[in-house]
């Protein structure tokens, strides 16, 4: 089974999410996918992270965090650091 990790840097930290093979296929087929990450700690606080994929490799990746769902940013998925595992 293959799975994939996506990583982005913000606030001097690298944040990442790992997708199952099923979710990876969904993303590569251009279908939308929203998934919650494991969260992270920053300055003594804990934040949840939310990842939204849309449009395949040429599509958008949106990352938001916190209880208010503040957007961290938008990227083209191609700009992500993608690591595929077998």
Protein backbone atom coordinates (compact mmCIF):
# COMPACT_ATOMS: atom_id res chain seq x y z
CA UNK A 1 0.00 0.00 0.00
CA UNK A 2 1.36 3.44 -0.91
CA UNK A 3 0.80 6.51 1.15
CA UNK A 4 2.00 10.07 0.76
CA UNK A 5 3.14 12.84 3.07
CA UNK A 6 2.78 16.54 2.34
CA UNK A 7 4.84 19.13 4.18
CA UNK A 8 4.83 22.92 4.36
CA UNK A 9 6.75 25.33 6.50
CA UNK A 10 5.17 28.18 8.43
CA UNK A 11 6.20 29.95 11.60
CA UNK A 12 9.67 28.33 11.52
CA UNK A 13 8.07 24.89 11.75
CA UNK A 14 7.31 22.18 9.25
CA UNK A 15 3.75 20.88 9.27
CA UNK A 16 2.76 17.75 7.44
CA UNK A 17 -0.06 15.33 6.80
CA UNK A 18 -0.02 11.76 5.57
CA UNK A 19 -2.70 10.44 3.23
CA UNK A 20 -3.79 6.85 2.83
CA UNK A 21 -3.50 5.25 -0.60
CA UNK A 22 -7.24 5.70 -1.08
CA UNK A 23 -7.12 9.42 -0.26
CA UNK A 24 -4.01 9.87 -2.46
CA UNK A 25 -5.89 8.38 -5.43
CA UNK A 26 -8.80 10.68 -4.69
CA UNK A 27 -6.51 13.73 -4.76
CA UNK A 28 -4.72 12.56 -7.92
CA UNK A 29 -8.10 12.05 -9.63
CA UNK A 30 -8.91 15.71 -8.95
CA UNK A 31 -11.64 14.99 -6.42
CA UNK A 32 -11.90 17.30 -3.41
CA UNK A 33 -10.61 16.02 -0.08
CA UNK A 34 -10.79 17.68 3.33
CA UNK A 35 -8.91 16.10 6.20
CA UNK A 36 -7.94 17.07 9.75
CA UNK A 37 -4.33 16.76 10.79
CA UNK A 38 -2.94 15.63 14.15
CA UNK A 39 -2.55 19.21 15.32
CA UNK A 40 0.52 20.93 16.71
CA UNK A 41 1.77 22.94 19.68
CA UNK A 42 2.95 26.53 19.37
CA UNK A 43 3.86 28.87 22.23
CA UNK A 44 2.24 26.57 24.76
CA UNK A 45 -1.05 26.28 22.87
CA UNK A 46 -2.46 23.40 20.85
CA UNK A 47 -3.95 23.99 17.40
CA UNK A 48 -5.81 21.63 15.08
CA UNK A 49 -4.88 21.78 11.41
CA UNK A 50 -7.20 21.25 8.46
CA UNK A 51 -6.06 20.37 4.94
CA UNK A 52 -8.20 20.78 1.80
CA UNK A 53 -7.11 19.39 -1.55
CA UNK A 54 -8.79 20.10 -4.86
CA UNK A 55 -7.98 19.67 -8.53
CA UNK A 56 -5.14 17.12 -8.55
CA UNK A 57 -1.48 18.13 -8.75
CA UNK A 58 -2.39 21.33 -10.59
CA UNK A 59 -5.03 22.10 -7.99
CA UNK A 60 -5.12 24.00 -4.76
CA UNK A 61 -3.99 22.99 -1.31
CA UNK A 62 -5.47 25.06 1.50
CA UNK A 63 -4.31 24.74 5.10
CA UNK A 64 -6.17 26.27 8.01
CA UNK A 65 -5.75 25.93 11.75
CA UNK A 66 -7.22 26.73 15.13
CA UNK A 67 -10.74 26.73 16.48
CA UNK A 68 -11.70 29.63 14.20
CA UNK A 69 -10.37 27.87 11.08
CA UNK A 70 -8.02 30.74 10.18
CA UNK A 71 -6.42 30.17 6.79
CA UNK A 72 -2.71 29.59 6.91
CA UNK A 73 -2.35 29.69 3.19
CA UNK A 74 -3.11 28.51 -0.27
CA UNK A 75 -0.64 26.69 -2.46
CA UNK A 76 -0.54 24.87 -5.72
CA UNK A 77 -0.18 21.22 -4.75
CA UNK A 78 2.90 20.93 -6.98
CA UNK A 79 4.73 23.28 -4.61
CA UNK A 80 4.35 20.85 -1.70
CA UNK A 81 7.14 18.64 -0.54
CA UNK A 82 5.62 15.27 -1.46
CA UNK A 83 7.13 12.04 -0.22
CA UNK A 84 5.71 8.76 -1.50
CA UNK A 85 6.13 5.57 0.53
CA UNK A 86 5.64 2.02 -0.67
